Amino acid sequence: MILTDYYSYDDKASILSQLDLLRSKWEAIPLLYSLLKEDKFHETLGNGTLMLLLDDEKLTDGKPTIAAFSTFADIDEVDSPLKPWIGFVFTDPDYRGRHLMGQIIESCMKKAATDYPESDYVYISTAETGLYEKYGFEFFQDMTSRWNGQTRGYRRKIER
């Protein structure tokens, strides 16, 4: 597996093509796809990137296959001054059960320690219960998303 960030990856067209193929697997992928394709990622989510976990043993059109991804950025689905946020968390169903997201989360936690010196926590907004606790996150408050839905706010202390 290769862990990389979208903005340092050479073949962005391959990533966009694969995200396009994954559209039917999760309702949030079309939004992420359009943010990247229309170059509105940073305008919408602030500083940050899309973290990719690529399977270099399984190829899609000759390129490593997306196994899992998440954003790591200033903004997620809630209006909040808190940052940074892990968002758009997705593992392809063919790769689930392998704790691959843990690799991405740990990478984000390391980036947070250097890229966000003013922050004490990394945050996740989700409707899930019991998932992110496995990765060291704790529930801290109910929140309202930008689309007026209810979401749960989780946080994990940044270790420096």
C-alpha atoms as a PDB file:
ATOM      1  CA  MET A   1       0.000   0.000   0.000  1.00  0.00           C
ATOM      2  CA  ILE A   2       1.103   3.530  -0.793  1.00  0.00           C
ATOM      3  CA  LEU A   3      -0.007   6.382   1.464  1.00  0.00           C
ATOM      4  CA  THR A   4       0.137   9.713  -0.329  1.00  0.00           C
ATOM      5  CA  ASP A   5      -1.624  13.007  -0.590  1.00  0.00           C
ATOM      6  CA  TYR A   6      -3.545  13.960  -3.691  1.00  0.00           C
ATOM      7  CA  TYR A   7      -1.715  17.239  -4.201  1.00  0.00           C
ATOM      8  CA  SER A   8       1.711  15.593  -4.269  1.00  0.00           C
ATOM      9  CA  TYR A   9       0.587  12.654  -6.425  1.00  0.00           C
ATOM     10  CA  ASP A  10       1.744  12.928 -10.047  1.00  0.00           C
ATOM     11  CA  ASP A  11      -1.240  11.364 -11.800  1.00  0.00           C
ATOM     12  CA  LYS A  12      -4.247  13.290 -10.523  1.00  0.00           C
ATOM     13  CA  ALA A  13      -6.233  12.247 -13.620  1.00  0.00           C
ATOM     14  CA  SER A  14      -5.970   8.609 -12.497  1.00  0.00           C
ATOM     15  CA  ILE A  15      -7.306   9.496  -9.041  1.00  0.00           C
ATOM     16  CA  LEU A  16     -10.182  11.507 -10.519  1.00  0.00           C
ATOM     17  CA  SER A  17     -11.014   8.663 -12.889  1.00  0.00           C
ATOM     18  CA  GLN A  18     -11.124   6.182 -10.012  1.00  0.00           C
ATOM     19  CA  LEU A  19     -13.221   8.511  -7.843  1.00  0.00           C
ATOM     20  CA  ASP A  20     -15.627   8.789 -10.748  1.00  0.00           C
ATOM     21  CA  LEU A  21     -15.878   4.974 -10.834  1.00  0.00           C
ATOM     22  CA  LEU A  22     -16.496   4.914  -7.052  1.00  0.00           C
ATOM     23  CA  ARG A  23     -19.401   7.430  -7.209  1.00  0.00           C
ATOM     24  CA  SER A  24     -22.055   4.762  -6.775  1.00  0.00           C
ATOM     25  CA  LYS A  25     -20.410   3.334  -3.647  1.00  0.00           C
ATOM     26  CA  TRP A  26     -20.971   6.378  -1.409  1.00  0.00           C
ATOM     27  CA  GLU A  27     -23.173   9.449  -1.709  1.00  0.00           C
ATOM     28  CA  ALA A  28     -20.410  11.931  -0.703  1.00  0.00           C
ATOM     29  CA  ILE A  29     -17.965  10.911  -3.450  1.00  0.00           C
ATOM     30  CA  PRO A  30     -19.627  13.019  -6.194  1.00  0.00           C
ATOM     31  CA  LEU A  31     -19.160  16.166  -4.075  1.00  0.00           C
ATOM     32  CA  LEU A  32     -15.516  15.366  -3.367  1.00  0.00           C
ATOM     33  CA  TYR A  33     -14.967  14.520  -7.039  1.00  0.00           C
ATOM     34  CA  SER A  34     -16.392  17.862  -8.153  1.00  0.00           C
ATOM     35  CA  LEU A  35     -14.339  19.815  -5.577  1.00  0.00           C
ATOM     36  CA  LEU A  36     -11.162  18.241  -6.951  1.00  0.00           C
ATOM     37  CA  LYS A  37     -12.077  18.336 -10.628  1.00  0.00           C
ATOM     38  CA  GLU A  38     -13.256  21.959 -10.511  1.00  0.00           C
ATOM     39  CA  ASP A  39     -10.249  22.941  -8.357  1.00  0.00           C
ATOM     40  CA  LYS A  40     -12.507  24.154  -5.516  1.00  0.00           C
ATOM     41  CA  PHE A  41     -11.141  21.892  -2.775  1.00  0.00           C
ATOM     42  CA  HIS A  42      -9.230  24.636  -0.952  1.00  0.00           C
ATOM     43  CA  GLU A  43     -11.871  27.275  -1.596  1.00  0.00           C
ATOM     44  CA  THR A  44     -14.415  24.999   0.119  1.00  0.00           C
ATOM     45  CA  LEU A  45     -12.354  23.166   2.753  1.00  0.00           C
ATOM     46  CA  GLY A  46      -9.500  25.587   3.439  1.00  0.00           C
ATOM     47  CA  ASN A  47      -5.950  24.359   3.830  1.00  0.00           C
ATOM     48  CA  GLY A  48      -5.498  20.636   3.556  1.00  0.00           C
ATOM     49  CA  THR A  49      -5.458  17.679   1.233  1.00  0.00           C
ATOM     50  CA  LEU A  50      -7.042  14.398   0.249  1.00  0.00           C
ATOM     51  CA  MET A  51      -5.092  11.543   1.845  1.00  0.00           C
ATOM     52  CA  LEU A  52      -5.018   8.429  -0.355  1.00  0.00           C
ATOM     53  CA  LEU A  53      -4.183   4.841   0.465  1.00  0.00           C
ATOM     54  CA  LEU A  54      -3.391   3.170  -2.855  1.00  0.00           C
ATOM     55  CA  ASP A  55      -3.047  -0.556  -3.498  1.00  0.00           C
ATOM     56  CA  ASP A  56       0.024  -0.820  -5.711  1.00  0.00           C
ATOM     57  CA  GLU A  57      -0.541  -4.562  -6.205  1.00  0.00           C
ATOM     58  CA  LYS A  58      -4.005  -4.058  -7.732  1.00  0.00           C
ATOM     59  CA  LEU A  59      -4.079  -1.778 -10.737  1.00  0.00           C
ATOM     60  CA  THR A  60      -6.906   0.209 -12.302  1.00  0.00           C
ATOM     61  CA  ASP A  61      -6.047   1.151 -15.888  1.00  0.00           C
ATOM     62  CA  GLY A  62      -2.393   0.521 -15.048  1.00  0.00           C
ATOM     63  CA  LYS A  63      -2.398   2.740 -11.938  1.00  0.00           C
ATOM     64  CA  PRO A  64      -2.552   1.828  -8.224  1.00  0.00           C
ATOM     65  CA  THR A  65      -6.136   1.317  -7.056  1.00  0.00           C
ATOM     66  CA  ILE A  66      -7.752   3.540  -4.422  1.00  0.00           C
ATOM     67  CA  ALA A  67      -8.296   1.382  -1.333  1.00  0.00           C
ATOM     68  CA  ALA A  68      -9.252   4.174   1.094  1.00  0.00           C
ATOM     69  CA  PHE A  69      -9.165   7.940   1.452  1.00  0.00           C
ATOM     70  CA  SER A  70     -10.111  10.866   3.640  1.00  0.00           C
ATOM     71  CA  THR A  71      -9.716  14.598   3.584  1.00  0.00           C
ATOM     72  CA  PHE A  72      -7.569  16.359   6.146  1.00  0.00           C
ATOM     73  CA  ALA A  73      -8.460  20.032   6.119  1.00  0.00           C
ATOM     74  CA  ASP A  74      -9.447  23.152   8.009  1.00  0.00           C
ATOM     75  CA  ILE A  75     -13.161  22.689   7.330  1.00  0.00           C
ATOM     76  CA  ASP A  76     -15.599  19.781   7.204  1.00  0.00           C
ATOM     77  CA  GLU A  77     -19.382  19.554   7.214  1.00  0.00           C
ATOM     78  CA  VAL A  78     -19.914  21.770  10.267  1.00  0.00           C
ATOM     79  CA  ASP A  79     -19.437  25.514  10.606  1.00  0.00           C
ATOM     80  CA  SER A  80     -16.897  25.685  13.367  1.00  0.00           C
ATOM     81  CA  PRO A  81     -13.712  27.564  14.232  1.00  0.00           C
ATOM     82  CA  LEU A  82     -12.222  24.231  15.338  1.00  0.00           C
ATOM     83  CA  LYS A  83      -9.572  22.684  13.095  1.00  0.00           C
ATOM     84  CA  PRO A  84      -8.233  20.449  11.598  1.00  0.00           C
ATOM     85  CA  TRP A  85     -10.887  17.965  10.470  1.00  0.00           C
ATOM     86  CA  ILE A  86     -10.698  14.476   9.041  1.00  0.00           C
ATOM     87  CA  GLY A  87     -13.603  14.157   6.634  1.00  0.00           C
ATOM     88  CA  PHE A  88     -14.923  12.259   3.614  1.00  0.00           C
ATOM     89  CA  VAL A  89     -13.740   9.022   5.258  1.00  0.00           C
ATOM     90  CA  PHE A  90     -14.134   6.109   2.846  1.00  0.00           C
ATOM     91  CA  THR A  91     -12.779   2.593   2.442  1.00  0.00           C
ATOM     92  CA  ASP A  92     -13.695   0.689  -0.706  1.00  0.00           C
ATOM     93  CA  PRO A  93     -15.918  -2.272   0.278  1.00  0.00           C
ATOM     94  CA  ASP A  94     -13.335  -4.671  -1.202  1.00  0.00           C
ATOM     95  CA  TYR A  95     -10.809  -3.431   1.384  1.00  0.00           C
ATOM     96  CA  ARG A  96     -12.966  -3.163   4.501  1.00  0.00           C
ATOM     97  CA  GLY A  97     -12.092  -5.042   7.664  1.00  0.00           C
ATOM     98  CA  ARG A  98      -8.351  -4.449   7.293  1.00  0.00           C
ATOM     99  CA  HIS A  99      -8.167  -1.276   9.439  1.00  0.00           C
ATOM    100  CA  LEU A 100      -6.698   0.650   6.519  1.00  0.00           C
ATOM    101  CA  MET A 101      -8.295   3.873   7.684  1.00  0.00           C
ATOM    102  CA  GLY A 102      -6.110   3.656  10.772  1.00  0.00           C
ATOM    103  CA  GLN A 103      -3.052   4.259   8.577  1.00  0.00           C
ATOM    104  CA  ILE A 104      -4.594   7.405   7.128  1.00  0.00           C
ATOM    105  CA  ILE A 105      -5.727   8.648  10.549  1.00  0.00           C
ATOM    106  CA  GLU A 106      -2.262   8.151  12.039  1.00  0.00           C
ATOM    107  CA  SER A 107      -0.722  10.046   9.134  1.00  0.00           C
ATOM    108  CA  CYS A 108      -3.185  12.894   9.694  1.00  0.00           C
ATOM    109  CA  MET A 109      -2.373  12.946  13.405  1.00  0.00           C
ATOM    110  CA  LYS A 110       1.349  13.323  12.609  1.00  0.00           C
ATOM    111  CA  LYS A 111       0.611  16.115  10.107  1.00  0.00           C
ATOM    112  CA  ALA A 112      -1.560  17.853  12.701  1.00  0.00           C
ATOM    113  CA  ALA A 113       1.338  17.993  15.164  1.00  0.00           C
ATOM    114  CA  THR A 114       3.416  20.014  12.699  1.00  0.00           C
ATOM    115  CA  ASP A 115       0.840  21.738  10.465  1.00  0.00           C
ATOM    116  CA  TYR A 116      -1.527  22.885  13.235  1.00  0.00           C
ATOM    117  CA  PRO A 117       0.651  24.027  16.170  1.00  0.00           C
ATOM    118  CA  GLU A 118      -2.230  26.174  17.481  1.00  0.00           C
ATOM    119  CA  SER A 119      -4.607  23.192  17.731  1.00  0.00           C
ATOM    120  CA  ASP A 120      -4.893  20.689  20.555  1.00  0.00           C
ATOM    121  CA  TYR A 121      -7.185  18.208  18.772  1.00  0.00           C
ATOM    122  CA  VAL A 122      -8.069  16.666  15.426  1.00  0.00           C
ATOM    123  CA  TYR A 123     -11.822  16.507  14.815  1.00  0.00           C
ATOM    124  CA  ILE A 124     -14.240  14.218  13.003  1.00  0.00           C
ATOM    125  CA  SER A 125     -17.912  14.841  12.319  1.00  0.00           C
ATOM    126  CA  THR A 126     -19.957  11.684  11.755  1.00  0.00           C
ATOM    127  CA  ALA A 127     -23.261   9.942  12.265  1.00  0.00           C
ATOM    128  CA  GLU A 128     -21.352   6.788  13.255  1.00  0.00           C
ATOM    129  CA  THR A 129     -21.148   5.574  16.836  1.00  0.00           C
ATOM    130  CA  GLY A 130     -18.446   3.171  17.958  1.00  0.00           C
ATOM    131  CA  LEU A 131     -16.254   3.460  14.861  1.00  0.00           C
ATOM    132  CA  TYR A 132     -13.822   6.282  15.584  1.00  0.00           C
ATOM    133  CA  GLU A 133     -13.390   5.337  19.225  1.00  0.00           C
ATOM    134  CA  LYS A 134     -11.291   2.433  17.861  1.00  0.00           C
ATOM    135  CA  TYR A 135      -8.879   5.048  16.552  1.00  0.00           C
ATOM    136  CA  GLY A 136      -8.584   6.998  19.807  1.00  0.00           C
ATOM    137  CA  PHE A 137     -11.337   9.576  19.213  1.00  0.00           C
ATOM    138  CA  GLU A 138     -13.809  10.606  21.910  1.00  0.00           C
ATOM    139  CA  PHE A 139     -17.280  12.043  21.480  1.00  0.00           C
ATOM    140  CA  PHE A 140     -17.374  15.670  22.633  1.00  0.00           C
ATOM    141  CA  GLN A 141     -20.650  17.185  21.347  1.00  0.00           C
ATOM    142  CA  ASP A 142     -23.643  16.940  19.051  1.00  0.00           C
ATOM    143  CA  MET A 143     -23.394  19.358  16.128  1.00  0.00           C
ATOM    144  CA  THR A 144     -25.450  20.601  13.190  1.00  0.00           C
ATOM    145  CA  SER A 145     -24.075  20.124   9.693  1.00  0.00           C
ATOM    146  CA  ARG A 146     -24.082  22.807   7.004  1.00  0.00           C
ATOM    147  CA  TRP A 147     -27.103  20.970   5.562  1.00  0.00           C
ATOM    148  CA  ASN A 148     -28.996  21.226   8.894  1.00  0.00           C
ATOM    149  CA  GLY A 149     -28.587  17.557   9.717  1.00  0.00           C
ATOM    150  CA  GLN A 150     -27.465  16.300  13.097  1.00  0.00           C
ATOM    151  CA  THR A 151     -23.943  14.961  13.419  1.00  0.00           C
ATOM    152  CA  ARG A 152     -21.683  13.813  16.224  1.00  0.00           C
ATOM    153  CA  GLY A 153     -18.417  15.631  16.930  1.00  0.00           C
ATOM    154  CA  TYR A 154     -15.406  13.545  17.918  1.00  0.00           C
ATOM    155  CA  ARG A 155     -11.894  14.642  18.788  1.00  0.00           C
ATOM    156  CA  ARG A 156      -8.498  13.152  19.451  1.00  0.00           C
ATOM    157  CA  LYS A 157      -5.665  14.904  21.285  1.00  0.00           C
ATOM    158  CA  ILE A 158      -2.656  15.797  19.150  1.00  0.00           C
ATOM    159  CA  GLU A 159       0.519  14.378  20.629  1.00  0.00           C
ATOM    160  CA  ARG A 160       3.618  16.512  20.254  1.00  0.00           C
END
